[in-house]
All heavy atoms as atom14 arrays in JSON, in Angstrom:
{
  "sequence": "NGPETGAHSGNIPVVFANIEKPRRGHYKVVLTLAEDQPATLPKGQL",
  "atom14_mask": [
    [1, 1, 1, 1, 1, 1, 1, 1, 0, 0, 0, 0, 0, 0],
    [1, 1, 1, 1, 0, 0, 0, 0, 0, 0, 0, 0, 0, 0],
    [1, 1, 1, 1, 1, 1, 1, 0, 0, 0, 0, 0, 0, 0],
    [1, 1, 1, 1, 1, 1, 1, 1, 1, 0, 0, 0, 0, 0],
    [1, 1, 1, 1, 1, 1, 1, 0, 0, 0, 0, 0, 0, 0],
    [1, 1, 1, 1, 0, 0, 0, 0, 0, 0, 0, 0, 0, 0],
    [1, 1, 1, 1, 1, 0, 0, 0, 0, 0, 0, 0, 0, 0],
    [1, 1, 1, 1, 1, 1, 1, 1, 1, 1, 0, 0, 0, 0],
    [1, 1, 1, 1, 1, 1, 0, 0, 0, 0, 0, 0, 0, 0],
    [1, 1, 1, 1, 0, 0, 0, 0, 0, 0, 0, 0, 0, 0],
    [1, 1, 1, 1, 1, 1, 1, 1, 0, 0, 0, 0, 0, 0],
    [1, 1, 1, 1, 1, 1, 1, 1, 0, 0, 0, 0, 0, 0],
    [1, 1, 1, 1, 1, 1, 1, 0, 0, 0, 0, 0, 0, 0],
    [1, 1, 1, 1, 1, 1, 1, 0, 0, 0, 0, 0, 0, 0],
    [1, 1, 1, 1, 1, 1, 1, 0, 0, 0, 0, 0, 0, 0],
    [1, 1, 1, 1, 1, 1, 1, 1, 1, 1, 1, 0, 0, 0],
    [1, 1, 1, 1, 1, 0, 0, 0, 0, 0, 0, 0, 0, 0],
    [1, 1, 1, 1, 1, 1, 1, 1, 0, 0, 0, 0, 0, 0],
    [1, 1, 1, 1, 1, 1, 1, 1, 0, 0, 0, 0, 0, 0],
    [1, 1, 1, 1, 1, 1, 1, 1, 1, 0, 0, 0, 0, 0],
    [1, 1, 1, 1, 1, 1, 1, 1, 1, 0, 0, 0, 0, 0],
    [1, 1, 1, 1, 1, 1, 1, 0, 0, 0, 0, 0, 0, 0],
    [1, 1, 1, 1, 1, 1, 1, 1, 1, 1, 1, 0, 0, 0],
    [1, 1, 1, 1, 1, 1, 1, 1, 1, 1, 1, 0, 0, 0],
    [1, 1, 1, 1, 0, 0, 0, 0, 0, 0, 0, 0, 0, 0],
    [1, 1, 1, 1, 1, 1, 1, 1, 1, 1, 0, 0, 0, 0],
    [1, 1, 1, 1, 1, 1, 1, 1, 1, 1, 1, 1, 0, 0],
    [1, 1, 1, 1, 1, 1, 1, 1, 1, 0, 0, 0, 0, 0],
    [1, 1, 1, 1, 1, 1, 1, 0, 0, 0, 0, 0, 0, 0],
    [1, 1, 1, 1, 1, 1, 1, 0, 0, 0, 0, 0, 0, 0],
    [1, 1, 1, 1, 1, 1, 1, 1, 0, 0, 0, 0, 0, 0],
    [1, 1, 1, 1, 1, 1, 1, 0, 0, 0, 0, 0, 0, 0],
    [1, 1, 1, 1, 1, 1, 1, 1, 0, 0, 0, 0, 0, 0],
    [1, 1, 1, 1, 1, 0, 0, 0, 0, 0, 0, 0, 0, 0],
    [1, 1, 1, 1, 1, 1, 1, 1, 1, 0, 0, 0, 0, 0],
    [1, 1, 1, 1, 1, 1, 1, 1, 0, 0, 0, 0, 0, 0],
    [1, 1, 1, 1, 1, 1, 1, 1, 1, 0, 0, 0, 0, 0],
    [1, 1, 1, 1, 1, 1, 1, 0, 0, 0, 0, 0, 0, 0],
    [1, 1, 1, 1, 1, 0, 0, 0, 0, 0, 0, 0, 0, 0],
    [1, 1, 1, 1, 1, 1, 1, 0, 0, 0, 0, 0, 0, 0],
    [1, 1, 1, 1, 1, 1, 1, 1, 0, 0, 0, 0, 0, 0],
    [1, 1, 1, 1, 1, 1, 1, 0, 0, 0, 0, 0, 0, 0],
    [1, 1, 1, 1, 1, 1, 1, 1, 1, 0, 0, 0, 0, 0],
    [1, 1, 1, 1, 0, 0, 0, 0, 0, 0, 0, 0, 0, 0],
    [1, 1, 1, 1, 1, 1, 1, 1, 1, 0, 0, 0, 0, 0],
    [1, 1, 1, 1, 1, 1, 1, 1, 0, 0, 0, 0, 0, 0]
  ],
  "atom14_positions": [
    [[-76.01, 43.87, -42.5], [-74.84, 43.03, -42.21], [-73.7, 43.81, -41.57], [-72.69, 43.23, -41.17], [-74.34, 42.35, -43.5], [-73.99, 43.35, -44.6], [-73.76, 44.53, -44.32], [-73.95, 42.89, -45.83], [0.0, 0.0, 0.0], [0.0, 0.0, 0.0], [0.0, 0.0, 0.0], [0.0, 0.0, 0.0], [0.0, 0.0, 0.0], [0.0, 0.0, 0.0]],
    [[-73.86, 45.14, -41.44], [-72.81, 45.97, -40.87], [-72.36, 45.57, -39.48], [-71.15, 45.46, -39.21], [0.0, 0.0, 0.0], [0.0, 0.0, 0.0], [0.0, 0.0, 0.0], [0.0, 0.0, 0.0], [0.0, 0.0, 0.0], [0.0, 0.0, 0.0], [0.0, 0.0, 0.0], [0.0, 0.0, 0.0], [0.0, 0.0, 0.0], [0.0, 0.0, 0.0]],
    [[-73.3, 45.34, -38.53], [-72.89, 44.95, -37.18], [-72.02, 43.7, -37.16], [-70.97, 43.67, -36.51], [-74.23, 44.74, -36.46], [-75.17, 45.65, -37.16], [-74.76, 45.59, -38.61], [0.0, 0.0, 0.0], [0.0, 0.0, 0.0], [0.0, 0.0, 0.0], [0.0, 0.0, 0.0], [0.0, 0.0, 0.0], [0.0, 0.0, 0.0], [0.0, 0.0, 0.0]],
    [[-72.46, 42.67, -37.87], [-71.67, 41.44, -37.9], [-70.34, 41.64, -38.6], [-69.3, 41.16, -38.12], [-72.44, 40.31, -38.58], [-71.59, 39.06, -38.73], [-72.33, 37.87, -39.32], [-73.51, 37.68, -39.0], [-71.69, 37.12, -40.09], [0.0, 0.0, 0.0], [0.0, 0.0, 0.0], [0.0, 0.0, 0.0], [0.0, 0.0, 0.0], [0.0, 0.0, 0.0]],
    [[-70.33, 42.36, -39.71], [-69.1, 42.58, -40.46], [-68.05, 43.28, -39.61], [-66.88, 42.89, -39.59], [-69.39, 43.42, -41.72], [-70.33, 42.73, -42.55], [-68.11, 43.65, -42.51], [0.0, 0.0, 0.0], [0.0, 0.0, 0.0], [0.0, 0.0, 0.0], [0.0, 0.0, 0.0], [0.0, 0.0, 0.0], [0.0, 0.0, 0.0], [0.0, 0.0, 0.0]],
    [[-68.5, 44.31, -38.86], [-67.57, 45.03, -38.0], [-67.04, 44.16, -36.87], [-65.84, 44.19, -36.55], [0.0, 0.0, 0.0], [0.0, 0.0, 0.0], [0.0, 0.0, 0.0], [0.0, 0.0, 0.0], [0.0, 0.0, 0.0], [0.0, 0.0, 0.0], [0.0, 0.0, 0.0], [0.0, 0.0, 0.0], [0.0, 0.0, 0.0], [0.0, 0.0, 0.0]],
    [[-67.93, 43.37, -36.27], [-67.52, 42.49, -35.17], [-66.55, 41.42, -35.66], [-65.57, 41.09, -34.99], [-68.74, 41.85, -34.54], [0.0, 0.0, 0.0], [0.0, 0.0, 0.0], [0.0, 0.0, 0.0], [0.0, 0.0, 0.0], [0.0, 0.0, 0.0], [0.0, 0.0, 0.0], [0.0, 0.0, 0.0], [0.0, 0.0, 0.0], [0.0, 0.0, 0.0]],
    [[-66.83, 40.88, -36.84], [-66.01, 39.81, -37.4], [-64.62, 40.31, -37.78], [-63.6, 39.68, -37.46], [-66.72, 39.2, -38.61], [-66.1, 37.93, -39.1], [-64.99, 37.91, -39.93], [-66.42, 36.62, -38.85], [-64.67, 36.65, -40.19], [-65.52, 35.85, -39.55], [0.0, 0.0, 0.0], [0.0, 0.0, 0.0], [0.0, 0.0, 0.0], [0.0, 0.0, 0.0]],
    [[-64.56, 41.45, -38.46], [-63.27, 41.96, -38.95], [-62.34, 42.37, -37.82], [-61.12, 42.2, -37.9], [-63.49, 43.14, -39.9], [-64.12, 44.22, -39.22], [0.0, 0.0, 0.0], [0.0, 0.0, 0.0], [0.0, 0.0, 0.0], [0.0, 0.0, 0.0], [0.0, 0.0, 0.0], [0.0, 0.0, 0.0], [0.0, 0.0, 0.0], [0.0, 0.0, 0.0]],
    [[-62.9, 42.91, -36.72], [-62.08, 43.32, -35.59], [-62.07, 42.33, -34.45], [-61.45, 42.57, -33.42], [0.0, 0.0, 0.0], [0.0, 0.0, 0.0], [0.0, 0.0, 0.0], [0.0, 0.0, 0.0], [0.0, 0.0, 0.0], [0.0, 0.0, 0.0], [0.0, 0.0, 0.0], [0.0, 0.0, 0.0], [0.0, 0.0, 0.0], [0.0, 0.0, 0.0]],
    [[-62.78, 41.18, -34.64], [-62.97, 40.18, -33.58], [-63.4, 40.87, -32.28], [-62.83, 40.66, -31.21], [-61.7, 39.37, -33.35], [-62.0, 38.06, -32.64], [-63.08, 37.49, -32.76], [-61.02, 37.57, -31.87], [0.0, 0.0, 0.0], [0.0, 0.0, 0.0], [0.0, 0.0, 0.0], [0.0, 0.0, 0.0], [0.0, 0.0, 0.0], [0.0, 0.0, 0.0]],
    [[-64.44, 41.71, -32.4], [-64.94, 42.52, -31.28], [-66.08, 41.78, -30.58], [-67.06, 41.39, -31.23], [-65.45, 43.88, -31.8], [-64.31, 44.64, -32.49], [-66.02, 44.71, -30.66], [-64.77, 45.9, -33.21], [0.0, 0.0, 0.0], [0.0, 0.0, 0.0], [0.0, 0.0, 0.0], [0.0, 0.0, 0.0], [0.0, 0.0, 0.0], [0.0, 0.0, 0.0]],
    [[-65.97, 41.55, -29.29], [-67.05, 40.86, -28.55], [-68.4, 41.54, -28.76], [-68.48, 42.77, -28.86], [-66.6, 40.97, -27.09], [-65.12, 41.11, -27.15], [-64.85, 41.91, -28.4], [0.0, 0.0, 0.0], [0.0, 0.0, 0.0], [0.0, 0.0, 0.0], [0.0, 0.0, 0.0], [0.0, 0.0, 0.0], [0.0, 0.0, 0.0], [0.0, 0.0, 0.0]],
    [[-69.44, 40.74, -28.81], [-70.8, 41.24, -29.04], [-71.69, 40.9, -27.85], [-71.71, 39.77, -27.38], [-71.4, 40.65, -30.33], [-72.86, 41.05, -30.47], [-70.6, 41.11, -31.55], [0.0, 0.0, 0.0], [0.0, 0.0, 0.0], [0.0, 0.0, 0.0], [0.0, 0.0, 0.0], [0.0, 0.0, 0.0], [0.0, 0.0, 0.0], [0.0, 0.0, 0.0]],
    [[-72.41, 41.91, -27.39], [-73.37, 41.75, -26.31], [-74.76, 42.04, -26.84], [-74.97, 43.05, -27.52], [-73.04, 42.73, -25.15], [-74.14, 42.71, -24.09], [-71.68, 42.39, -24.53], [0.0, 0.0, 0.0], [0.0, 0.0, 0.0], [0.0, 0.0, 0.0], [0.0, 0.0, 0.0], [0.0, 0.0, 0.0], [0.0, 0.0, 0.0], [0.0, 0.0, 0.0]],
    [[-75.7, 41.16, -26.58], [-77.09, 41.41, -26.95], [-77.78, 42.12, -25.78], [-77.52, 41.81, -24.61], [-77.84, 40.1, -27.24], [-77.41, 39.42, -28.51], [-77.76, 38.1, -28.76], [-76.65, 40.08, -29.46], [-77.39, 37.46, -29.93], [-76.26, 39.46, -30.64], [-76.63, 38.14, -30.87], [0.0, 0.0, 0.0], [0.0, 0.0, 0.0], [0.0, 0.0, 0.0]],
    [[-78.66, 43.05, -26.11], [-79.34, 43.83, -25.07], [-80.85, 43.78, -25.25], [-81.36, 43.83, -26.38], [-78.87, 45.28, -25.09], [0.0, 0.0, 0.0], [0.0, 0.0, 0.0], [0.0, 0.0, 0.0], [0.0, 0.0, 0.0], [0.0, 0.0, 0.0], [0.0, 0.0, 0.0], [0.0, 0.0, 0.0], [0.0, 0.0, 0.0], [0.0, 0.0, 0.0]],
    [[-81.54, 43.66, -24.13], [-82.99, 43.7, -24.12], [-83.42, 44.65, -23.01], [-82.73, 44.8, -22.0], [-83.56, 42.3, -23.87], [-85.06, 42.31, -23.75], [-85.73, 43.03, -24.48], [-85.6, 41.55, -22.82], [0.0, 0.0, 0.0], [0.0, 0.0, 0.0], [0.0, 0.0, 0.0], [0.0, 0.0, 0.0], [0.0, 0.0, 0.0], [0.0, 0.0, 0.0]],
    [[-84.55, 45.31, -23.2], [-85.06, 46.24, -22.19], [-86.41, 45.75, -21.69], [-87.33, 45.52, -22.48], [-85.2, 47.67, -22.77], [-83.88, 48.13, -23.37], [-85.65, 48.64, -21.68], [-83.98, 49.45, -24.14], [0.0, 0.0, 0.0], [0.0, 0.0, 0.0], [0.0, 0.0, 0.0], [0.0, 0.0, 0.0], [0.0, 0.0, 0.0], [0.0, 0.0, 0.0]],
    [[-86.51, 45.56, -20.38], [-87.76, 45.14, -19.76], [-88.37, 46.32, -19.02], [-87.69, 47.29, -18.69], [-87.49, 43.99, -18.78], [-86.93, 42.75, -19.45], [-86.58, 41.65, -18.45], [-86.69, 41.92, -17.23], [-86.2, 40.55, -18.88], [0.0, 0.0, 0.0], [0.0, 0.0, 0.0], [0.0, 0.0, 0.0], [0.0, 0.0, 0.0], [0.0, 0.0, 0.0]],
    [[-89.68, 46.23, -18.76], [-90.41, 47.31, -18.09], [-91.14, 46.74, -16.88], [-92.29, 46.32, -16.99], [-91.39, 47.98, -19.07], [-92.04, 49.25, -18.55], [-92.89, 49.87, -19.65], [-93.48, 51.2, -19.23], [-94.28, 51.84, -20.32], [0.0, 0.0, 0.0], [0.0, 0.0, 0.0], [0.0, 0.0, 0.0], [0.0, 0.0, 0.0], [0.0, 0.0, 0.0]],
    [[-90.47, 46.7, -15.71], [-91.12, 46.15, -14.51], [-92.41, 46.88, -14.15], [-93.38, 46.26, -13.73], [-90.06, 46.36, -13.42], [-88.77, 46.5, -14.16], [-89.12, 47.18, -15.44], [0.0, 0.0, 0.0], [0.0, 0.0, 0.0], [0.0, 0.0, 0.0], [0.0, 0.0, 0.0], [0.0, 0.0, 0.0], [0.0, 0.0, 0.0], [0.0, 0.0, 0.0]],
    [[-92.4, 48.2, -14.29], [-93.6, 49.0, -14.07], [-93.42, 50.34, -14.79], [-92.34, 50.67, -15.25], [-93.86, 49.21, -12.58], [-92.8, 50.01, -11.83], [-93.13, 50.04, -10.34], [-92.31, 50.97, -9.58], [-91.09, 50.69, -9.12], [-90.55, 49.51, -9.37], [-90.43, 51.58, -8.41], [0.0, 0.0, 0.0], [0.0, 0.0, 0.0], [0.0, 0.0, 0.0]],
    [[-94.5, 51.08, -14.87], [-94.48, 52.32, -15.62], [-93.41, 53.28, -15.08], [-93.33, 53.54, -13.89], [-95.85, 53.0, -15.55], [-96.1, 54.01, -16.66], [-97.52, 54.53, -16.59], [-97.91, 55.19, -17.83], [-99.09, 55.78, -18.03], [-99.99, 55.79, -17.05], [-99.36, 56.34, -19.19], [0.0, 0.0, 0.0], [0.0, 0.0, 0.0], [0.0, 0.0, 0.0]],
    [[-92.58, 53.78, -15.99], [-91.55, 54.73, -15.6], [-90.28, 54.09, -15.09], [-89.36, 54.8, -14.66], [0.0, 0.0, 0.0], [0.0, 0.0, 0.0], [0.0, 0.0, 0.0], [0.0, 0.0, 0.0], [0.0, 0.0, 0.0], [0.0, 0.0, 0.0], [0.0, 0.0, 0.0], [0.0, 0.0, 0.0], [0.0, 0.0, 0.0], [0.0, 0.0, 0.0]],
    [[-90.19, 52.76, -15.17], [-89.0, 52.04, -14.7], [-88.61, 50.97, -15.72], [-89.48, 50.27, -16.23], [-89.24, 51.41, -13.33], [-89.45, 52.4, -12.24], [-88.43, 52.83, -11.41], [-90.56, 53.07, -11.84], [-88.9, 53.71, -10.56], [-90.19, 53.88, -10.78], [0.0, 0.0, 0.0], [0.0, 0.0, 0.0], [0.0, 0.0, 0.0], [0.0, 0.0, 0.0]],
    [[-87.32, 50.87, -15.98], [-86.82, 49.93, -16.98], [-85.64, 49.14, -16.45], [-84.91, 49.59, -15.56], [-86.42, 50.67, -18.26], [-87.58, 51.36, -18.94], [-87.88, 52.68, -18.63], [-88.38, 50.69, -19.86], [-88.96, 53.33, -19.23], [-89.45, 51.32, -20.47], [-89.73, 52.64, -20.14], [-90.8, 53.26, -20.73], [0.0, 0.0, 0.0], [0.0, 0.0, 0.0]],
    [[-85.46, 47.96, -17.03], [-84.33, 47.1, -16.68], [-83.64, 46.65, -17.96], [-84.27, 46.03, -18.82], [-84.82, 45.89, -15.88], [-83.72, 44.91, -15.49], [-84.29, 43.72, -14.76], [-83.2, 42.72, -14.37], [-83.78, 41.52, -13.7], [0.0, 0.0, 0.0], [0.0, 0.0, 0.0], [0.0, 0.0, 0.0], [0.0, 0.0, 0.0], [0.0, 0.0, 0.0]],
    [[-82.36, 46.97, -18.07], [-81.58, 46.57, -19.24], [-80.92, 45.22, -18.94], [-80.2, 45.08, -17.95], [-80.5, 47.61, -19.58], [-79.69, 47.16, -20.8], [-81.15, 48.97, -19.84], [0.0, 0.0, 0.0], [0.0, 0.0, 0.0], [0.0, 0.0, 0.0], [0.0, 0.0, 0.0], [0.0, 0.0, 0.0], [0.0, 0.0, 0.0], [0.0, 0.0, 0.0]],
    [[-81.18, 44.23, -19.78], [-80.63, 42.89, -19.6], [-79.58, 42.66, -20.69], [-79.9, 42.62, -21.88], [-81.73, 41.81, -19.68], [-81.12, 40.43, -19.47], [-82.82, 42.09, -18.66], [0.0, 0.0, 0.0], [0.0, 0.0, 0.0], [0.0, 0.0, 0.0], [0.0, 0.0, 0.0], [0.0, 0.0, 0.0], [0.0, 0.0, 0.0], [0.0, 0.0, 0.0]],
    [[-78.34, 42.51, -20.27], [-77.21, 42.33, -21.19], [-76.75, 40.88, -21.16], [-76.6, 40.29, -20.09], [-76.06, 43.26, -20.81], [-76.38, 44.76, -20.79], [-75.26, 45.53, -20.12], [-76.62, 45.27, -22.2], [0.0, 0.0, 0.0], [0.0, 0.0, 0.0], [0.0, 0.0, 0.0], [0.0, 0.0, 0.0], [0.0, 0.0, 0.0], [0.0, 0.0, 0.0]],
    [[-76.49, 40.32, -22.34], [-76.04, 38.94, -22.46], [-74.85, 38.89, -23.41], [-74.93, 39.4, -24.54], [-77.16, 38.04, -23.03], [-78.32, 38.15, -22.21], [-76.7, 36.6, -23.09], [0.0, 0.0, 0.0], [0.0, 0.0, 0.0], [0.0, 0.0, 0.0], [0.0, 0.0, 0.0], [0.0, 0.0, 0.0], [0.0, 0.0, 0.0], [0.0, 0.0, 0.0]],
    [[-73.74, 38.33, -22.96], [-72.59, 38.17, -23.84], [-72.95, 37.14, -24.9], [-73.13, 35.96, -24.6], [-71.36, 37.72, -23.04], [-70.07, 37.49, -23.86], [-69.64, 38.77, -24.57], [-68.95, 36.97, -22.97], [0.0, 0.0, 0.0], [0.0, 0.0, 0.0], [0.0, 0.0, 0.0], [0.0, 0.0, 0.0], [0.0, 0.0, 0.0], [0.0, 0.0, 0.0]],
    [[-73.06, 37.6, -26.13], [-73.5, 36.72, -27.22], [-72.34, 35.96, -27.84], [-72.47, 34.79, -28.18], [-74.21, 37.54, -28.3], [0.0, 0.0, 0.0], [0.0, 0.0, 0.0], [0.0, 0.0, 0.0], [0.0, 0.0, 0.0], [0.0, 0.0, 0.0], [0.0, 0.0, 0.0], [0.0, 0.0, 0.0], [0.0, 0.0, 0.0], [0.0, 0.0, 0.0]],
    [[-71.2, 36.64, -28.0], [-70.05, 35.99, -28.62], [-68.78, 36.75, -28.27], [-68.69, 37.95, -28.49], [-70.21, 35.9, -30.14], [-69.06, 35.25, -30.85], [-68.75, 33.86, -30.31], [-69.67, 33.01, -30.27], [-67.58, 33.61, -29.95], [0.0, 0.0, 0.0], [0.0, 0.0, 0.0], [0.0, 0.0, 0.0], [0.0, 0.0, 0.0], [0.0, 0.0, 0.0]],
    [[-67.81, 36.02, -27.74], [-66.54, 36.62, -27.36], [-65.54, 36.61, -28.52], [-64.62, 37.44, -28.56], [-65.95, 35.85, -26.17], [-64.7, 36.49, -25.62], [-64.76, 37.66, -25.19], [-63.64, 35.83, -25.64], [0.0, 0.0, 0.0], [0.0, 0.0, 0.0], [0.0, 0.0, 0.0], [0.0, 0.0, 0.0], [0.0, 0.0, 0.0], [0.0, 0.0, 0.0]],
    [[-65.72, 35.68, -29.46], [-64.79, 35.54, -30.59], [-65.57, 35.5, -31.91], [-65.67, 34.45, -32.56], [-63.95, 34.26, -30.43], [-63.12, 34.18, -29.16], [-61.96, 35.17, -29.16], [-61.43, 35.54, -30.21], [-61.55, 35.61, -27.97], [0.0, 0.0, 0.0], [0.0, 0.0, 0.0], [0.0, 0.0, 0.0], [0.0, 0.0, 0.0], [0.0, 0.0, 0.0]],
    [[-66.12, 36.62, -32.34], [-66.94, 36.64, -33.56], [-66.21, 36.18, -34.82], [-66.82, 35.64, -35.74], [-67.36, 38.11, -33.69], [-67.25, 38.66, -32.32], [-66.09, 37.95, -31.7], [0.0, 0.0, 0.0], [0.0, 0.0, 0.0], [0.0, 0.0, 0.0], [0.0, 0.0, 0.0], [0.0, 0.0, 0.0], [0.0, 0.0, 0.0], [0.0, 0.0, 0.0]],
    [[-64.89, 36.39, -34.85], [-64.12, 36.03, -36.04], [-64.11, 34.52, -36.3], [-63.8, 34.07, -37.4], [-62.69, 36.54, -35.91], [0.0, 0.0, 0.0], [0.0, 0.0, 0.0], [0.0, 0.0, 0.0], [0.0, 0.0, 0.0], [0.0, 0.0, 0.0], [0.0, 0.0, 0.0], [0.0, 0.0, 0.0], [0.0, 0.0, 0.0], [0.0, 0.0, 0.0]],
    [[-64.46, 33.74, -35.29], [-64.46, 32.28, -35.45], [-65.77, 31.76, -36.04], [-65.86, 30.57, -36.38], [-64.22, 31.59, -34.09], [-65.33, 31.88, -33.22], [-62.93, 32.09, -33.45], [0.0, 0.0, 0.0], [0.0, 0.0, 0.0], [0.0, 0.0, 0.0], [0.0, 0.0, 0.0], [0.0, 0.0, 0.0], [0.0, 0.0, 0.0], [0.0, 0.0, 0.0]],
    [[-66.78, 32.6, -36.14], [-68.1, 32.16, -36.6], [-68.2, 32.2, -38.12], [-67.65, 33.1, -38.77], [-69.19, 33.05, -36.01], [-69.37, 33.03, -34.49], [-70.48, 33.99, -34.09], [-69.67, 31.63, -34.0], [0.0, 0.0, 0.0], [0.0, 0.0, 0.0], [0.0, 0.0, 0.0], [0.0, 0.0, 0.0], [0.0, 0.0, 0.0], [0.0, 0.0, 0.0]],
    [[-68.94, 31.25, -38.72], [-69.2, 31.3, -40.16], [-70.01, 32.55, -40.5], [-70.74, 33.1, -39.67], [-70.03, 30.04, -40.41], [-69.74, 29.14, -39.25], [-69.51, 30.06, -38.09], [0.0, 0.0, 0.0], [0.0, 0.0, 0.0], [0.0, 0.0, 0.0], [0.0, 0.0, 0.0], [0.0, 0.0, 0.0], [0.0, 0.0, 0.0], [0.0, 0.0, 0.0]],
    [[-69.91, 32.97, -41.73], [-70.6, 34.17, -42.19], [-72.11, 34.06, -41.98], [-72.72, 33.06, -42.34], [-70.3, 34.39, -43.68], [-70.91, 35.66, -44.26], [-70.51, 35.82, -45.72], [-71.08, 37.09, -46.32], [-70.7, 37.24, -47.76], [0.0, 0.0, 0.0], [0.0, 0.0, 0.0], [0.0, 0.0, 0.0], [0.0, 0.0, 0.0], [0.0, 0.0, 0.0]],
    [[-72.68, 35.08, -41.36], [-74.12, 35.15, -41.16], [-74.61, 34.55, -39.86], [-75.76, 34.79, -39.45], [0.0, 0.0, 0.0], [0.0, 0.0, 0.0], [0.0, 0.0, 0.0], [0.0, 0.0, 0.0], [0.0, 0.0, 0.0], [0.0, 0.0, 0.0], [0.0, 0.0, 0.0], [0.0, 0.0, 0.0], [0.0, 0.0, 0.0], [0.0, 0.0, 0.0]],
    [[-73.77, 33.78, -39.16], [-74.24, 33.06, -37.98], [-74.5, 33.99, -36.79], [-75.39, 33.75, -35.98], [-73.24, 31.98, -37.59], [-73.24, 30.79, -38.54], [-74.63, 30.21, -38.73], [-75.26, 29.76, -37.78], [-75.12, 30.21, -39.97], [0.0, 0.0, 0.0], [0.0, 0.0, 0.0], [0.0, 0.0, 0.0], [0.0, 0.0, 0.0], [0.0, 0.0, 0.0]],
    [[-73.71, 35.05, -36.67], [-73.94, 36.0, -35.58], [-75.27, 36.72, -35.77], [-76.03, 36.92, -34.82], [-72.8, 37.01, -35.5], [-72.88, 38.02, -34.35], [-72.84, 37.31, -33.01], [-71.74, 39.03, -34.44], [0.0, 0.0, 0.0], [0.0, 0.0, 0.0], [0.0, 0.0, 0.0], [0.0, 0.0, 0.0], [0.0, 0.0, 0.0], [0.0, 0.0, 0.0]]
  ]
}
């Protein structure tokens, strides 16, 4: 629960990250803004 607790207490934007592998030796990081206002979310929802 640490990541959510920290984001909620400081209302720190959260970005989700995924790593894809187009081919061997090459990677693509896909970033998605998950929540801009974590403090507004109910506990556990993030």
